[in-house]
Amino acid sequence: MPLVFVYGTLKAGCKYHQEMAGATFLGPCSTPAEFALNTDPWGHPAAVEGQTALEGEVYQLTEEHLAKLDVFEGEAYTRHTTATPFGNTWIYTLKSPHA
């Protein structure tokens, strides 16, 4: 089952956490220092390439749930892996305007 690292509005207590319903919370953690936190065009936190560790939460979910998150995140975000204490997890980052 896939793992996903969430750092913004999908975290517990945040605006869109209901999108994580049915996923298993594994715990809080931080990423390697390979990101920066910006704001997307809608005013939400958005990870981009950088040199900062992000604080967030890791969840285990089904492939079907992950596909639903892909739709939720939309075309502005891309999914790739990052290392966490729970193993490699997916993380959504804001696409470069030049991608």
PDB file of N, CA and C in Angstrom:
ATOM      1  N   MET A   1       0.845  -1.190   0.000  1.00  0.00           N
ATOM      2  CA  MET A   1       0.000   0.000   0.000  1.00  0.00           C
ATOM      3  C   MET A   1       0.881   1.242   0.000  1.00  0.00           C
ATOM      4  N   PRO A   2       0.524   2.235  -0.799  1.00  0.00           N
ATOM      5  CA  PRO A   2       1.365   3.429  -0.905  1.00  0.00           C
ATOM      6  C   PRO A   2       1.290   4.308   0.344  1.00  0.00           C
ATOM      7  N   LEU A   3       2.333   5.102   0.499  1.00  0.00           N
ATOM      8  CA  LEU A   3       2.414   6.104   1.567  1.00  0.00           C
ATOM      9  C   LEU A   3       2.427   7.480   0.921  1.00  0.00           C
ATOM     10  N   VAL A   4       1.848   8.459   1.623  1.00  0.00           N
ATOM     11  CA  VAL A   4       1.877   9.834   1.136  1.00  0.00           C
ATOM     12  C   VAL A   4       2.241  10.760   2.294  1.00  0.00           C
ATOM     13  N   PHE A   5       3.107  11.734   1.995  1.00  0.00           N
ATOM     14  CA  PHE A   5       3.495  12.770   2.952  1.00  0.00           C
ATOM     15  C   PHE A   5       2.661  14.005   2.646  1.00  0.00           C
ATOM     16  N   VAL A   6       1.927  14.502   3.648  1.00  0.00           N
ATOM     17  CA  VAL A   6       1.136  15.723   3.462  1.00  0.00           C
ATOM     18  C   VAL A   6       1.688  16.813   4.369  1.00  0.00           C
ATOM     19  N   TYR A   7       1.699  18.050   3.867  1.00  0.00           N
ATOM     20  CA  TYR A   7       2.371  19.145   4.575  1.00  0.00           C
ATOM     21  C   TYR A   7       1.530  20.407   4.660  1.00  0.00           C
ATOM     22  N   GLY A   8       0.384  20.430   4.038  1.00  0.00           N
ATOM     23  CA  GLY A   8      -0.416  21.664   3.998  1.00  0.00           C
ATOM     24  C   GLY A   8      -1.846  21.399   4.380  1.00  0.00           C
ATOM     25  N   THR A   9      -2.757  21.725   3.488  1.00  0.00           N
ATOM     26  CA  THR A   9      -4.189  21.683   3.796  1.00  0.00           C
ATOM     27  C   THR A   9      -4.739  20.269   3.955  1.00  0.00           C
ATOM     28  N   LEU A  10      -3.955  19.235   3.648  1.00  0.00           N
ATOM     29  CA  LEU A  10      -4.410  17.850   3.852  1.00  0.00           C
ATOM     30  C   LEU A  10      -4.079  17.332   5.245  1.00  0.00           C
ATOM     31  N   LYS A  11      -3.272  18.060   6.039  1.00  0.00           N
ATOM     32  CA  LYS A  11      -2.910  17.619   7.383  1.00  0.00           C
ATOM     33  C   LYS A  11      -4.125  17.637   8.306  1.00  0.00           C
ATOM     34  N   ALA A  12      -4.040  16.845   9.379  1.00  0.00           N
ATOM     35  CA  ALA A  12      -5.098  16.796  10.394  1.00  0.00           C
ATOM     36  C   ALA A  12      -5.400  18.203  10.902  1.00  0.00           C
ATOM     37  N   GLY A  13      -6.678  18.528  10.976  1.00  0.00           N
ATOM     38  CA  GLY A  13      -7.112  19.833  11.470  1.00  0.00           C
ATOM     39  C   GLY A  13      -7.105  20.930  10.425  1.00  0.00           C
ATOM     40  N   CYS A  14      -6.705  20.612   9.204  1.00  0.00           N
ATOM     41  CA  CYS A  14      -6.625  21.628   8.157  1.00  0.00           C
ATOM     42  C   CYS A  14      -7.807  21.534   7.192  1.00  0.00           C
ATOM     43  N   LYS A  15      -7.913  22.512   6.331  1.00  0.00           N
ATOM     44  CA  LYS A  15      -9.068  22.747   5.469  1.00  0.00           C
ATOM     45  C   LYS A  15      -9.545  21.538   4.665  1.00  0.00           C
ATOM     46  N   TYR A  16      -8.636  20.767   4.101  1.00  0.00           N
ATOM     47  CA  TYR A  16      -9.019  19.665   3.219  1.00  0.00           C
ATOM     48  C   TYR A  16      -8.664  18.287   3.781  1.00  0.00           C
ATOM     49  N   HIS A  17      -8.511  18.199   5.096  1.00  0.00           N
ATOM     50  CA  HIS A  17      -8.146  16.915   5.701  1.00  0.00           C
ATOM     51  C   HIS A  17      -9.169  15.819   5.407  1.00  0.00           C
ATOM     52  N   GLN A  18     -10.421  16.177   5.140  1.00  0.00           N
ATOM     53  CA  GLN A  18     -11.440  15.161   4.839  1.00  0.00           C
ATOM     54  C   GLN A  18     -11.043  14.318   3.633  1.00  0.00           C
ATOM     55  N   GLU A  19     -10.158  14.827   2.767  1.00  0.00           N
ATOM     56  CA  GLU A  19      -9.678  14.059   1.621  1.00  0.00           C
ATOM     57  C   GLU A  19      -8.828  12.860   2.057  1.00  0.00           C
ATOM     58  N   MET A  20      -8.378  12.851   3.313  1.00  0.00           N
ATOM     59  CA  MET A  20      -7.566  11.748   3.833  1.00  0.00           C
ATOM     60  C   MET A  20      -8.429  10.703   4.551  1.00  0.00           C
ATOM     61  N   ALA A  21      -9.749  10.882   4.574  1.00  0.00           N
ATOM     62  CA  ALA A  21     -10.645   9.930   5.241  1.00  0.00           C
ATOM     63  C   ALA A  21     -10.414   8.526   4.697  1.00  0.00           C
ATOM     64  N   GLY A  22     -10.235   7.578   5.602  1.00  0.00           N
ATOM     65  CA  GLY A  22      -9.993   6.191   5.231  1.00  0.00           C
ATOM     66  C   GLY A  22      -8.520   5.824   5.167  1.00  0.00           C
ATOM     67  N   ALA A  23      -7.621   6.814   5.139  1.00  0.00           N
ATOM     68  CA  ALA A  23      -6.184   6.554   5.149  1.00  0.00           C
ATOM     69  C   ALA A  23      -5.736   6.300   6.585  1.00  0.00           C
ATOM     70  N   THR A  24      -4.668   5.561   6.749  1.00  0.00           N
ATOM     71  CA  THR A  24      -4.127   5.261   8.073  1.00  0.00           C
ATOM     72  C   THR A  24      -2.999   6.233   8.397  1.00  0.00           C
ATOM     73  N   PHE A  25      -3.169   7.002   9.476  1.00  0.00           N
ATOM     74  CA  PHE A  25      -2.146   7.944   9.930  1.00  0.00           C
ATOM     75  C   PHE A  25      -0.986   7.153  10.523  1.00  0.00           C
ATOM     76  N   LEU A  26       0.229   7.362  10.005  1.00  0.00           N
ATOM     77  CA  LEU A  26       1.410   6.682  10.532  1.00  0.00           C
ATOM     78  C   LEU A  26       2.189   7.551  11.506  1.00  0.00           C
ATOM     79  N   GLY A  27       2.161   8.869  11.307  1.00  0.00           N
ATOM     80  CA  GLY A  27       2.834   9.746  12.243  1.00  0.00           C
ATOM     81  C   GLY A  27       3.387  10.997  11.599  1.00  0.00           C
ATOM     82  N   PRO A  28       3.812  11.932  12.452  1.00  0.00           N
ATOM     83  CA  PRO A  28       4.431  13.160  11.956  1.00  0.00           C
ATOM     84  C   PRO A  28       5.903  12.902  11.621  1.00  0.00           C
ATOM     85  N   CYS A  29       6.447  13.708  10.744  1.00  0.00           N
ATOM     86  CA  CYS A  29       7.871  13.611  10.417  1.00  0.00           C
ATOM     87  C   CYS A  29       8.267  14.800   9.568  1.00  0.00           C
ATOM     88  N   SER A  30       9.523  14.836   9.196  1.00  0.00           N
ATOM     89  CA  SER A  30       9.995  15.872   8.279  1.00  0.00           C
ATOM     90  C   SER A  30      10.703  15.197   7.107  1.00  0.00           C
ATOM     91  N   THR A  31      10.764  15.929   6.010  1.00  0.00           N
ATOM     92  CA  THR A  31      11.428  15.439   4.808  1.00  0.00           C
ATOM     93  C   THR A  31      12.907  15.794   4.864  1.00  0.00           C
ATOM     94  N   PRO A  32      13.696  15.267   3.942  1.00  0.00           N
ATOM     95  CA  PRO A  32      15.058  15.789   3.785  1.00  0.00           C
ATOM     96  C   PRO A  32      14.991  17.260   3.361  1.00  0.00           C
ATOM     97  N   ALA A  33      16.078  17.959   3.520  1.00  0.00           N
ATOM     98  CA  ALA A  33      16.132  19.386   3.168  1.00  0.00           C
ATOM     99  C   ALA A  33      16.264  19.540   1.659  1.00  0.00           C
ATOM    100  N   GLU A  34      15.164  19.263   0.939  1.00  0.00           N
ATOM    101  CA  GLU A  34      15.174  19.344  -0.521  1.00  0.00           C
ATOM    102  C   GLU A  34      13.972  20.108  -1.077  1.00  0.00           C
ATOM    103  N   PHE A  35      13.281  20.848  -0.207  1.00  0.00           N
ATOM    104  CA  PHE A  35      12.077  21.565  -0.614  1.00  0.00           C
ATOM    105  C   PHE A  35      12.117  23.003  -0.124  1.00  0.00           C
ATOM    106  N   ALA A  36      11.208  23.790  -0.621  1.00  0.00           N
ATOM    107  CA  ALA A  36      10.888  25.117  -0.093  1.00  0.00           C
ATOM    108  C   ALA A  36       9.371  25.175  -0.093  1.00  0.00           C
ATOM    109  N   LEU A  37       8.813  25.997   0.766  1.00  0.00           N
ATOM    110  CA  LEU A  37       7.361  26.115   0.844  1.00  0.00           C
ATOM    111  C   LEU A  37       6.944  27.454   0.259  1.00  0.00           C
ATOM    112  N   ASN A  38       6.197  27.391  -0.828  1.00  0.00           N
ATOM    113  CA  ASN A  38       5.660  28.573  -1.495  1.00  0.00           C
ATOM    114  C   ASN A  38       4.143  28.563  -1.352  1.00  0.00           C
ATOM    115  N   THR A  39       3.495  29.421  -2.087  1.00  0.00           N
ATOM    116  CA  THR A  39       2.034  29.469  -2.127  1.00  0.00           C
ATOM    117  C   THR A  39       1.598  29.219  -3.560  1.00  0.00           C
ATOM    118  N   ASP A  40       0.574  28.357  -3.726  1.00  0.00           N
ATOM    119  CA  ASP A  40       0.073  28.105  -5.074  1.00  0.00           C
ATOM    120  C   ASP A  40      -0.848  29.244  -5.503  1.00  0.00           C
ATOM    121  N   PRO A  41      -1.333  29.228  -6.743  1.00  0.00           N
ATOM    122  CA  PRO A  41      -2.186  30.326  -7.223  1.00  0.00           C
ATOM    123  C   PRO A  41      -3.484  30.515  -6.431  1.00  0.00           C
ATOM    124  N   TRP A  42      -3.883  29.526  -5.639  1.00  0.00           N
ATOM    125  CA  TRP A  42      -5.118  29.603  -4.852  1.00  0.00           C
ATOM    126  C   TRP A  42      -4.858  29.963  -3.392  1.00  0.00           C
ATOM    127  N   GLY A  43      -3.598  30.259  -3.052  1.00  0.00           N
ATOM    128  CA  GLY A  43      -3.258  30.676  -1.696  1.00  0.00           C
ATOM    129  C   GLY A  43      -2.945  29.540  -0.743  1.00  0.00           C
ATOM    130  N   HIS A  44      -2.771  28.323  -1.261  1.00  0.00           N
ATOM    131  CA  HIS A  44      -2.475  27.161  -0.412  1.00  0.00           C
ATOM    132  C   HIS A  44      -0.967  26.916  -0.347  1.00  0.00           C
ATOM    133  N   PRO A  45      -0.477  26.290   0.742  1.00  0.00           N
ATOM    134  CA  PRO A  45       0.940  25.936   0.812  1.00  0.00           C
ATOM    135  C   PRO A  45       1.309  25.003  -0.337  1.00  0.00           C
ATOM    136  N   ALA A  46       2.472  25.210  -0.924  1.00  0.00           N
ATOM    137  CA  ALA A  46       2.903  24.406  -2.066  1.00  0.00           C
ATOM    138  C   ALA A  46       4.399  24.144  -1.984  1.00  0.00           C
ATOM    139  N   ALA A  47       4.772  22.880  -1.948  1.00  0.00           N
ATOM    140  CA  ALA A  47       6.188  22.514  -1.934  1.00  0.00           C
ATOM    141  C   ALA A  47       6.774  22.680  -3.328  1.00  0.00           C
ATOM    142  N   VAL A  48       7.983  23.202  -3.359  1.00  0.00           N
ATOM    143  CA  VAL A  48       8.762  23.316  -4.591  1.00  0.00           C
ATOM    144  C   VAL A  48      10.189  22.875  -4.256  1.00  0.00           C
ATOM    145  N   GLU A  49      11.021  22.726  -5.275  1.00  0.00           N
ATOM    146  CA  GLU A  49      12.409  22.348  -5.047  1.00  0.00           C
ATOM    147  C   GLU A  49      13.110  23.433  -4.237  1.00  0.00           C
ATOM    148  N   GLY A  50      13.922  23.018  -3.278  1.00  0.00           N
ATOM    149  CA  GLY A  50      14.628  23.974  -2.438  1.00  0.00           C
ATOM    150  C   GLY A  50      15.613  23.277  -1.528  1.00  0.00           C
ATOM    151  N   GLN A  51      15.869  23.883  -0.370  1.00  0.00           N
ATOM    152  CA  GLN A  51      16.865  23.349   0.555  1.00  0.00           C
ATOM    153  C   GLN A  51      16.348  23.337   1.988  1.00  0.00           C
ATOM    154  N   THR A  52      15.030  23.161   2.154  1.00  0.00           N
ATOM    155  CA  THR A  52      14.413  23.170   3.479  1.00  0.00           C
ATOM    156  C   THR A  52      13.689  21.852   3.708  1.00  0.00           C
ATOM    157  N   ALA A  53      13.717  21.371   4.935  1.00  0.00           N
ATOM    158  CA  ALA A  53      12.917  20.202   5.314  1.00  0.00           C
ATOM    159  C   ALA A  53      11.492  20.671   5.594  1.00  0.00           C
ATOM    160  N   LEU A  54      10.518  19.903   5.147  1.00  0.00           N
ATOM    161  CA  LEU A  54       9.111  20.215   5.425  1.00  0.00           C
ATOM    162  C   LEU A  54       8.616  19.351   6.574  1.00  0.00           C
ATOM    163  N   GLU A  55       7.791  19.952   7.426  1.00  0.00           N
ATOM    164  CA  GLU A  55       7.146  19.222   8.517  1.00  0.00           C
ATOM    165  C   GLU A  55       5.776  18.784   8.026  1.00  0.00           C
ATOM    166  N   GLY A  56       5.416  17.548   8.314  1.00  0.00           N
ATOM    167  CA  GLY A  56       4.115  17.069   7.873  1.00  0.00           C
ATOM    168  C   GLY A  56       3.751  15.749   8.498  1.00  0.00           C
ATOM    169  N   GLU A  57       2.877  15.015   7.811  1.00  0.00           N
ATOM    170  CA  GLU A  57       2.343  13.756   8.312  1.00  0.00           C
ATOM    171  C   GLU A  57       2.400  12.706   7.199  1.00  0.00           C
ATOM    172  N   VAL A  58       2.576  11.455   7.597  1.00  0.00           N
ATOM    173  CA  VAL A  58       2.585  10.358   6.633  1.00  0.00           C
ATOM    174  C   VAL A  58       1.356   9.483   6.857  1.00  0.00           C
ATOM    175  N   TYR A  59       0.724   9.128   5.743  1.00  0.00           N
ATOM    176  CA  TYR A  59      -0.461   8.268   5.749  1.00  0.00           C
ATOM    177  C   TYR A  59      -0.243   7.099   4.805  1.00  0.00           C
ATOM    178  N   GLN A  60      -0.814   5.962   5.176  1.00  0.00           N
ATOM    179  CA  GLN A  60      -0.859   4.805   4.286  1.00  0.00           C
ATOM    180  C   GLN A  60      -2.260   4.759   3.696  1.00  0.00           C
ATOM    181  N   LEU A  61      -2.352   4.529   2.392  1.00  0.00           N
ATOM    182  CA  LEU A  61      -3.641   4.528   1.728  1.00  0.00           C
ATOM    183  C   LEU A  61      -3.645   3.524   0.586  1.00  0.00           C
ATOM    184  N   THR A  62      -4.775   3.342  -0.028  1.00  0.00           N
ATOM    185  CA  THR A  62      -4.892   2.409  -1.144  1.00  0.00           C
ATOM    186  C   THR A  62      -4.484   3.097  -2.449  1.00  0.00           C
ATOM    187  N   GLU A  63      -4.240   2.289  -3.474  1.00  0.00           N
ATOM    188  CA  GLU A  63      -3.948   2.840  -4.804  1.00  0.00           C
ATOM    189  C   GLU A  63      -5.126   3.671  -5.309  1.00  0.00           C
ATOM    190  N   GLU A  64      -6.342   3.226  -5.002  1.00  0.00           N
ATOM    191  CA  GLU A  64      -7.539   3.964  -5.427  1.00  0.00           C
ATOM    192  C   GLU A  64      -7.614   5.330  -4.746  1.00  0.00           C
ATOM    193  N   HIS A  65      -7.283   5.372  -3.465  1.00  0.00           N
ATOM    194  CA  HIS A  65      -7.287   6.637  -2.735  1.00  0.00           C
ATOM    195  C   HIS A  65      -6.215   7.572  -3.300  1.00  0.00           C
ATOM    196  N   LEU A  66      -5.042   7.012  -3.609  1.00  0.00           N
ATOM    197  CA  LEU A  66      -3.967   7.818  -4.188  1.00  0.00           C
ATOM    198  C   LEU A  66      -4.400   8.412  -5.527  1.00  0.00           C
ATOM    199  N   ALA A  67      -5.104   7.626  -6.331  1.00  0.00           N
ATOM    200  CA  ALA A  67      -5.614   8.132  -7.620  1.00  0.00           C
ATOM    201  C   ALA A  67      -6.610   9.271  -7.395  1.00  0.00           C
ATOM    202  N   LYS A  68      -7.420   9.187  -6.347  1.00  0.00           N
ATOM    203  CA  LYS A  68      -8.368  10.267  -6.024  1.00  0.00           C
ATOM    204  C   LYS A  68      -7.619  11.521  -5.585  1.00  0.00           C
ATOM    205  N   LEU A  69      -6.508  11.343  -4.847  1.00  0.00           N
ATOM    206  CA  LEU A  69      -5.697  12.510  -4.455  1.00  0.00           C
ATOM    207  C   LEU A  69      -5.064  13.158  -5.684  1.00  0.00           C
ATOM    208  N   ASP A  70      -4.669  12.352  -6.659  1.00  0.00           N
ATOM    209  CA  ASP A  70      -4.127  12.917  -7.900  1.00  0.00           C
ATOM    210  C   ASP A  70      -5.150  13.848  -8.545  1.00  0.00           C
ATOM    211  N   VAL A  71      -6.404  13.419  -8.571  1.00  0.00           N
ATOM    212  CA  VAL A  71      -7.475  14.251  -9.148  1.00  0.00           C
ATOM    213  C   VAL A  71      -7.679  15.490  -8.282  1.00  0.00           C
ATOM    214  N   PHE A  72      -7.715  15.309  -6.964  1.00  0.00           N
ATOM    215  CA  PHE A  72      -7.903  16.436  -6.042  1.00  0.00           C
ATOM    216  C   PHE A  72      -6.800  17.483  -6.223  1.00  0.00           C
ATOM    217  N   GLU A  73      -5.556  17.042  -6.299  1.00  0.00           N
ATOM    218  CA  GLU A  73      -4.429  17.976  -6.440  1.00  0.00           C
ATOM    219  C   GLU A  73      -4.423  18.639  -7.809  1.00  0.00           C
ATOM    220  N   GLY A  74      -4.983  17.983  -8.807  1.00  0.00           N
ATOM    221  CA  GLY A  74      -5.135  18.597 -10.118  1.00  0.00           C
ATOM    222  C   GLY A  74      -3.849  18.689 -10.907  1.00  0.00           C
ATOM    223  N   GLU A  75      -3.953  19.392 -12.013  1.00  0.00           N
ATOM    224  CA  GLU A  75      -2.826  19.494 -12.942  1.00  0.00           C
ATOM    225  C   GLU A  75      -1.732  20.444 -12.483  1.00  0.00           C
ATOM    226  N   ALA A  76      -1.977  21.230 -11.451  1.00  0.00           N
ATOM    227  CA  ALA A  76      -0.968  22.168 -10.973  1.00  0.00           C
ATOM    228  C   ALA A  76       0.122  21.479 -10.153  1.00  0.00           C
ATOM    229  N   TYR A  77      -0.168  20.259  -9.686  1.00  0.00           N
ATOM    230  CA  TYR A  77       0.769  19.528  -8.830  1.00  0.00           C
ATOM    231  C   TYR A  77       1.239  18.252  -9.516  1.00  0.00           C
ATOM    232  N   THR A  78       2.416  17.820  -9.122  1.00  0.00           N
ATOM    233  CA  THR A  78       2.951  16.545  -9.581  1.00  0.00           C
ATOM    234  C   THR A  78       3.336  15.719  -8.362  1.00  0.00           C
ATOM    235  N   ARG A  79       3.361  14.417  -8.526  1.00  0.00           N
ATOM    236  CA  ARG A  79       3.663  13.515  -7.420  1.00  0.00           C
ATOM    237  C   ARG A  79       4.998  12.837  -7.683  1.00  0.00           C
ATOM    238  N   HIS A  80       5.872  12.832  -6.666  1.00  0.00           N
ATOM    239  CA  HIS A  80       7.119  12.077  -6.741  1.00  0.00           C
ATOM    240  C   HIS A  80       7.469  11.586  -5.350  1.00  0.00           C
ATOM    241  N   THR A  81       8.559  10.864  -5.197  1.00  0.00           N
ATOM    242  CA  THR A  81       8.886  10.283  -3.894  1.00  0.00           C
ATOM    243  C   THR A  81       9.885  11.141  -3.130  1.00  0.00           C
ATOM    244  N   THR A  82       9.802  10.985  -1.811  1.00  0.00           N
ATOM    245  CA  THR A  82      10.766  11.583  -0.908  1.00  0.00           C
ATOM    246  C   THR A  82      10.994  10.595   0.236  1.00  0.00           C
ATOM    247  N   ALA A  83      12.138  10.684   0.868  1.00  0.00           N
ATOM    248  CA  ALA A  83      12.465   9.799   1.982  1.00  0.00           C
ATOM    249  C   ALA A  83      11.851  10.330   3.273  1.00  0.00           C
ATOM    250  N   THR A  84      11.323   9.431   4.082  1.00  0.00           N
ATOM    251  CA  THR A  84      10.835   9.765   5.423  1.00  0.00           C
ATOM    252  C   THR A  84      11.249   8.631   6.358  1.00  0.00           C
ATOM    253  N   PRO A  85      11.117   8.813   7.660  1.00  0.00           N
ATOM    254  CA  PRO A  85      11.410   7.712   8.584  1.00  0.00           C
ATOM    255  C   PRO A  85      10.509   6.495   8.360  1.00  0.00           C
ATOM    256  N   PHE A  86       9.398   6.668   7.648  1.00  0.00           N
ATOM    257  CA  PHE A  86       8.471   5.568   7.365  1.00  0.00           C
ATOM    258  C   PHE A  86       8.814   4.865   6.051  1.00  0.00           C
ATOM    259  N   GLY A  87       9.841   5.329   5.376  1.00  0.00           N
ATOM    260  CA  GLY A  87      10.221   4.799   4.064  1.00  0.00           C
ATOM    261  C   GLY A  87       9.959   5.851   3.006  1.00  0.00           C
ATOM    262  N   ASN A  88      10.148   5.482   1.763  1.00  0.00           N
ATOM    263  CA  ASN A  88       9.871   6.416   0.670  1.00  0.00           C
ATOM    264  C   ASN A  88       8.372   6.626   0.562  1.00  0.00           C
ATOM    265  N   THR A  89       7.982   7.878   0.444  1.00  0.00           N
ATOM    266  CA  THR A  89       6.564   8.237   0.348  1.00  0.00           C
ATOM    267  C   THR A  89       6.355   9.150  -0.846  1.00  0.00           C
ATOM    268  N   TRP A  90       5.127   9.215  -1.293  1.00  0.00           N
ATOM    269  CA  TRP A  90       4.749  10.194  -2.312  1.00  0.00           C
ATOM    270  C   TRP A  90       4.598  11.557  -1.655  1.00  0.00           C
ATOM    271  N   ILE A  91       4.890  12.591  -2.407  1.00  0.00           N
ATOM    272  CA  ILE A  91       4.655  13.975  -1.992  1.00  0.00           C
ATOM    273  C   ILE A  91       4.192  14.738  -3.228  1.00  0.00           C
ATOM    274  N   TYR A  92       3.261  15.649  -3.029  1.00  0.00           N
ATOM    275  CA  TYR A  92       2.783  16.500  -4.127  1.00  0.00           C
ATOM    276  C   TYR A  92       3.536  17.816  -4.083  1.00  0.00           C
ATOM    277  N   THR A  93       4.113  18.192  -5.227  1.00  0.00           N
ATOM    278  CA  THR A  93       4.813  19.464  -5.347  1.00  0.00           C
ATOM    279  C   THR A  93       4.210  20.270  -6.490  1.00  0.00           C
ATOM    280  N   LEU A  94       4.314  21.569  -6.365  1.00  0.00           N
ATOM    281  CA  LEU A  94       3.794  22.473  -7.383  1.00  0.00           C
ATOM    282  C   LEU A  94       4.638  22.334  -8.644  1.00  0.00           C
ATOM    283  N   LYS A  95       3.974  22.157  -9.783  1.00  0.00           N
ATOM    284  CA  LYS A  95       4.680  22.057 -11.047  1.00  0.00           C
ATOM    285  C   LYS A  95       5.322  23.399 -11.384  1.00  0.00           C
ATOM    286  N   SER A  96       6.466  23.318 -11.999  1.00  0.00           N
ATOM    287  CA  SER A  96       7.130  24.521 -12.474  1.00  0.00           C
ATOM    288  C   SER A  96       6.312  25.092 -13.624  1.00  0.00           C
ATOM    289  N   PRO A  97       6.184  26.412 -13.729  1.00  0.00           N
ATOM    290  CA  PRO A  97       5.470  26.990 -14.857  1.00  0.00           C
ATOM    291  C   PRO A  97       6.159  26.698 -16.187  1.00  0.00           C
ATOM    292  N   HIS A  98       7.411  26.225 -16.123  1.00  0.00           N
ATOM    293  CA  HIS A  98       8.169  25.934 -17.330  1.00  0.00           C
ATOM    294  C   HIS A  98       8.167  24.451 -17.664  1.00  0.00           C
ATOM    295  N   ALA A  99       7.437  23.642 -16.859  1.00  0.00           N
ATOM    296  CA  ALA A  99       7.422  22.176 -17.082  1.00  0.00           C
ATOM    297  C   ALA A  99       6.501  21.815 -18.224  1.00  0.00           C
TER     298      ALA A  99
END
